């Protein structure tokens, strides 16, 4: 059984990893965010909080190695949930990855343009808590990757600019400060994507969990449950 820790944020109790180490922490802010709910097909409607895969995307934009992976433990909500609506141009014609690599097919975005409304979040801030796990082929301990990650966060270094759900909403990041989380926020969010696992054949398996925000914190279980994507939805 893993022990508990309060080392990462005041009053927040999170499990340590199998070696007794607490999660790494990074604070992210942005002018806007869009974490699309998968069950809504026509309009893009954001969850009220960042999803675990979106949090992993932020962390991997800062630091990533093929010998390690991030496991999200919790996401703190630091600012009130405010929404706004925007109309976005999207394309209904998407080239396969193999075609894109070869450059064998052009996508005519003008001919296949589709306007969709999106319900987004405004002026967001989160603290992401995540464990770093090494893969079997790694020859370095998890502590080495944690140190590298923390140094990059401290310097503001990243492989690419992190974004909040969609690339047009970029994110700023840094070391956590003493900004209090939104302790008055309690909400049943519903079914949320936990993680995506890709097999040898390239087929993706999606794991989900019943998400809820408790006193401003989205706690993420270690494992999700594999479910079929809701009918007619988008990931």
Protein backbone atom coordinates (compact mmCIF):
# COMPACT_ATOMS: atom_id res chain seq x y z
CA UNK A 1 0.00 0.00 0.00
CA UNK A 2 1.32 3.45 -0.88
CA UNK A 3 1.69 6.01 1.88
CA UNK A 4 0.04 9.42 1.87
CA UNK A 5 1.75 12.79 1.60
CA UNK A 6 0.96 16.45 2.21
CA UNK A 7 4.27 17.65 0.76
CA UNK A 8 2.96 19.00 -2.52
CA UNK A 9 0.17 21.44 -1.59
CA UNK A 10 -1.24 22.73 1.72
CA UNK A 11 -3.99 20.48 3.03
CA UNK A 12 -3.89 18.14 0.01
CA UNK A 13 -3.41 14.45 0.77
CA UNK A 14 -2.10 12.38 -2.16
CA UNK A 15 -0.57 8.91 -2.37
CA UNK A 16 3.18 8.54 -2.77
CA UNK A 17 4.52 6.18 -5.39
CA UNK A 18 5.84 2.67 -4.69
CA UNK A 19 9.23 4.14 -3.70
CA UNK A 20 7.69 6.56 -1.21
CA UNK A 21 8.20 9.67 -3.37
CA UNK A 22 5.59 12.44 -3.70
CA UNK A 23 4.25 13.62 -7.07
CA UNK A 24 5.88 16.37 -9.11
CA UNK A 25 3.84 19.57 -9.30
CA UNK A 26 3.46 22.26 -11.94
CA UNK A 27 1.12 25.24 -12.03
CA UNK A 28 -0.45 26.23 -15.36
CA UNK A 29 -2.51 29.26 -16.36
CA UNK A 30 -4.17 30.43 -19.54
CA UNK A 31 -6.60 32.95 -20.98
CA UNK A 32 -8.86 30.17 -22.28
CA UNK A 33 -9.24 26.39 -22.39
CA UNK A 34 -11.37 23.77 -24.12
CA UNK A 35 -11.51 20.22 -22.73
CA UNK A 36 -14.20 18.73 -25.00
CA UNK A 37 -16.82 16.37 -23.65
CA UNK A 38 -16.89 13.28 -25.93
CA UNK A 39 -20.65 12.68 -25.82
CA UNK A 40 -21.52 15.93 -27.63
CA UNK A 41 -21.08 15.68 -31.40
CA UNK A 42 -22.12 18.99 -32.96
CA UNK A 43 -20.90 21.55 -30.44
CA UNK A 44 -17.67 21.50 -28.48
CA UNK A 45 -18.57 21.83 -24.81
CA UNK A 46 -15.79 21.90 -22.27
CA UNK A 47 -15.63 19.96 -19.05
CA UNK A 48 -15.45 22.39 -16.08
CA UNK A 49 -11.94 21.14 -15.29
CA UNK A 50 -8.83 19.96 -17.13
CA UNK A 51 -8.88 16.27 -18.10
CA UNK A 52 -6.02 13.89 -17.19
CA UNK A 53 -4.94 13.38 -20.85
CA UNK A 54 -4.80 17.17 -21.30
CA UNK A 55 -2.67 17.41 -18.15
CA UNK A 56 -0.33 14.71 -19.49
CA UNK A 57 -0.06 16.70 -22.71
CA UNK A 58 1.05 19.79 -20.77
CA UNK A 59 3.66 17.81 -18.83
CA UNK A 60 5.03 16.05 -21.92
CA UNK A 61 5.36 19.41 -23.69
CA UNK A 62 7.66 20.45 -20.84
CA UNK A 63 9.62 17.19 -20.51
CA UNK A 64 9.31 13.74 -22.06
CA UNK A 65 11.50 10.69 -22.56
CA UNK A 66 10.50 7.34 -24.11
CA UNK A 67 11.77 5.60 -20.95
CA UNK A 68 9.12 7.22 -18.69
CA UNK A 69 5.47 8.12 -18.41
CA UNK A 70 3.33 10.50 -16.34
CA UNK A 71 0.46 9.33 -14.14
CA UNK A 72 -1.84 12.17 -13.04
CA UNK A 73 -2.75 12.00 -9.35
CA UNK A 74 -4.81 15.18 -8.91
CA UNK A 75 -5.64 18.51 -10.52
CA UNK A 76 -6.42 21.54 -8.36
CA UNK A 77 -8.75 24.25 -9.66
CA UNK A 78 -7.39 27.67 -8.67
CA UNK A 79 -9.85 30.07 -10.34
CA UNK A 80 -13.65 30.21 -10.60
CA UNK A 81 -15.20 28.43 -13.58
CA UNK A 82 -16.17 31.01 -16.21
CA UNK A 83 -17.43 30.13 -19.67
CA UNK A 84 -17.67 31.87 -23.02
CA UNK A 85 -18.85 30.85 -26.46
CA UNK A 86 -16.86 31.11 -29.68
CA UNK A 87 -17.50 29.95 -33.23
CA UNK A 88 -14.57 27.99 -34.66
CA UNK A 89 -13.78 26.84 -38.19
CA UNK A 90 -13.05 23.11 -38.42
CA UNK A 91 -12.53 20.73 -41.31
CA UNK A 92 -14.57 17.60 -41.94
CA UNK A 93 -11.81 16.12 -44.13
CA UNK A 94 -8.88 14.75 -42.16
CA UNK A 95 -5.95 13.01 -43.85
CA UNK A 96 -4.71 9.73 -42.46
CA UNK A 97 -1.40 9.91 -40.60
CA UNK A 98 0.33 7.79 -43.24
CA UNK A 99 -0.86 10.17 -45.99
CA UNK A 100 0.28 13.18 -43.99
CA UNK A 101 3.77 11.69 -43.52
CA UNK A 102 4.13 10.90 -47.21
CA UNK A 103 2.53 14.17 -48.29
CA UNK A 104 0.41 12.15 -50.68
CA UNK A 105 -2.91 13.93 -50.16
CA UNK A 106 -3.80 17.56 -49.68
CA UNK A 107 -6.69 18.60 -47.45
CA UNK A 108 -8.89 21.32 -48.96
CA UNK A 109 -9.95 23.12 -45.79
CA UNK A 110 -11.95 25.73 -47.70
CA UNK A 111 -14.11 23.09 -49.42
CA UNK A 112 -14.63 21.08 -46.24
CA UNK A 113 -14.94 23.91 -43.75
CA UNK A 114 -17.50 23.52 -40.99
CA UNK A 115 -18.34 26.15 -38.38
CA UNK A 116 -19.07 24.89 -34.90
CA UNK A 117 -19.89 26.64 -31.67
CA UNK A 118 -17.62 25.90 -28.73
CA UNK A 119 -18.35 26.50 -25.07
CA UNK A 120 -14.92 27.22 -23.58
CA UNK A 121 -13.43 28.16 -20.22
CA UNK A 122 -12.04 31.63 -19.55
CA UNK A 123 -9.10 32.70 -17.34
CA UNK A 124 -8.11 29.29 -15.97
CA UNK A 125 -5.42 28.14 -13.53
CA UNK A 126 -4.58 24.65 -12.30
CA UNK A 127 -1.99 22.82 -10.22
CA UNK A 128 -1.17 19.45 -11.72
CA UNK A 129 0.18 16.66 -9.49
CA UNK A 130 1.70 13.67 -11.27
CA UNK A 131 3.90 10.67 -10.58
CA UNK A 132 6.70 9.73 -12.95
CA UNK A 133 7.02 6.02 -13.65
CA UNK A 134 9.91 4.47 -15.54
CA UNK A 135 9.35 1.83 -18.22
CA UNK A 136 11.06 -1.58 -18.15
CA UNK A 137 13.74 -0.60 -20.69
CA UNK A 138 14.85 2.46 -18.69
CA UNK A 139 18.35 2.37 -17.21
CA UNK A 140 17.77 5.36 -14.92
CA UNK A 141 15.66 5.68 -11.76
CA UNK A 142 12.49 7.77 -11.61
CA UNK A 143 14.27 10.27 -9.33
CA UNK A 144 16.54 11.31 -12.21
CA UNK A 145 13.57 12.16 -14.41
CA UNK A 146 11.83 14.00 -11.57
CA UNK A 147 14.91 16.19 -11.08
CA UNK A 148 15.10 16.93 -14.81
CA UNK A 149 11.42 17.82 -14.93
CA UNK A 150 11.67 20.18 -11.95
CA UNK A 151 14.72 21.92 -13.42
CA UNK A 152 12.91 22.50 -16.72
CA UNK A 153 9.84 23.89 -14.94
CA UNK A 154 12.06 26.21 -12.90
CA UNK A 155 13.77 27.50 -16.07
CA UNK A 156 10.56 27.72 -18.07
CA UNK A 157 11.95 25.28 -20.65
CA UNK A 158 9.68 23.19 -22.88
CA UNK A 159 9.91 21.13 -26.06
CA UNK A 160 6.84 22.90 -27.43
CA UNK A 161 4.42 25.46 -26.03
CA UNK A 162 1.90 23.67 -23.79
CA UNK A 163 -1.77 24.19 -24.58
CA UNK A 164 -5.05 23.76 -22.75
CA UNK A 165 -7.12 21.25 -24.68
CA UNK A 166 -6.66 22.81 -28.11
CA UNK A 167 -3.55 24.37 -29.64
CA UNK A 168 -5.07 27.80 -30.04
CA UNK A 169 -5.27 28.13 -26.23
CA UNK A 170 -1.66 28.20 -25.08
CA UNK A 171 -0.62 27.78 -21.45
CA UNK A 172 1.95 29.41 -19.20
CA UNK A 173 3.58 27.22 -16.56
CA UNK A 174 5.88 27.46 -13.57
CA UNK A 175 6.60 26.28 -10.05
CA UNK A 176 3.55 26.10 -7.77
CA UNK A 177 2.90 29.11 -5.56
CA UNK A 178 0.59 29.68 -2.58
CA UNK A 179 -2.52 30.45 -4.65
CA UNK A 180 -5.40 28.80 -2.77
CA UNK A 181 -7.56 26.31 -4.62
CA UNK A 182 -11.28 26.87 -5.05
CA UNK A 183 -12.42 24.98 -1.94
CA UNK A 184 -16.07 25.96 -2.48
CA UNK A 185 -16.17 24.04 -5.77
CA UNK A 186 -17.90 20.66 -5.50
CA UNK A 187 -19.33 19.13 -8.67
CA UNK A 188 -20.14 15.74 -10.18
CA UNK A 189 -18.49 16.02 -13.59
CA UNK A 190 -19.57 12.68 -15.10
CA UNK A 191 -17.64 10.14 -17.15
CA UNK A 192 -14.21 11.50 -18.16
CA UNK A 193 -11.36 10.09 -20.21
CA UNK A 194 -8.68 8.69 -17.92
CA UNK A 195 -6.00 7.55 -20.38
CA UNK A 196 -5.37 6.21 -23.87
CA UNK A 197 -3.38 3.00 -24.35
CA UNK A 198 -2.03 2.06 -27.76
CA UNK A 199 -1.33 -1.57 -28.63
CA UNK A 200 1.25 -3.05 -30.98
CA UNK A 201 -1.16 -2.78 -33.90
CA UNK A 202 -1.78 0.90 -33.28
CA UNK A 203 -5.31 0.34 -31.99
CA UNK A 204 -6.22 2.66 -29.14
CA UNK A 205 -7.96 1.49 -25.97
CA UNK A 206 -9.64 4.20 -23.94
CA UNK A 207 -10.01 4.05 -20.18
CA UNK A 208 -12.56 6.19 -18.32
CA UNK A 209 -13.53 7.11 -14.76
CA UNK A 210 -16.37 8.81 -12.89
CA UNK A 211 -14.96 12.29 -12.28
CA UNK A 212 -15.96 14.63 -9.49
CA UNK A 213 -14.47 17.82 -8.08
CA UNK A 214 -14.24 17.84 -4.29
CA UNK A 215 -13.30 21.09 -2.57
CA UNK A 216 -11.58 22.30 -5.71
CA UNK A 217 -9.66 19.08 -6.46
CA UNK A 218 -10.16 16.50 -9.20
CA UNK A 219 -8.70 13.28 -7.79
CA UNK A 220 -7.63 10.85 -10.51
CA UNK A 221 -7.60 7.11 -9.72
CA UNK A 222 -4.53 5.09 -10.63
CA UNK A 223 -6.51 3.02 -13.15
CA UNK A 224 -9.55 3.69 -15.30
CA UNK A 225 -12.14 1.33 -16.78
CA UNK A 226 -12.08 0.39 -20.46
CA UNK A 227 -15.32 1.45 -22.15
CA UNK A 228 -16.48 1.94 -25.72
CA UNK A 229 -16.56 5.55 -26.90
CA UNK A 230 -20.11 6.97 -26.55
CA UNK A 231 -22.07 6.55 -29.78
CA UNK A 232 -21.68 9.48 -32.17
CA UNK A 233 -19.18 11.26 -29.94
CA UNK A 234 -15.76 12.77 -30.48
CA UNK A 235 -12.66 12.05 -28.40
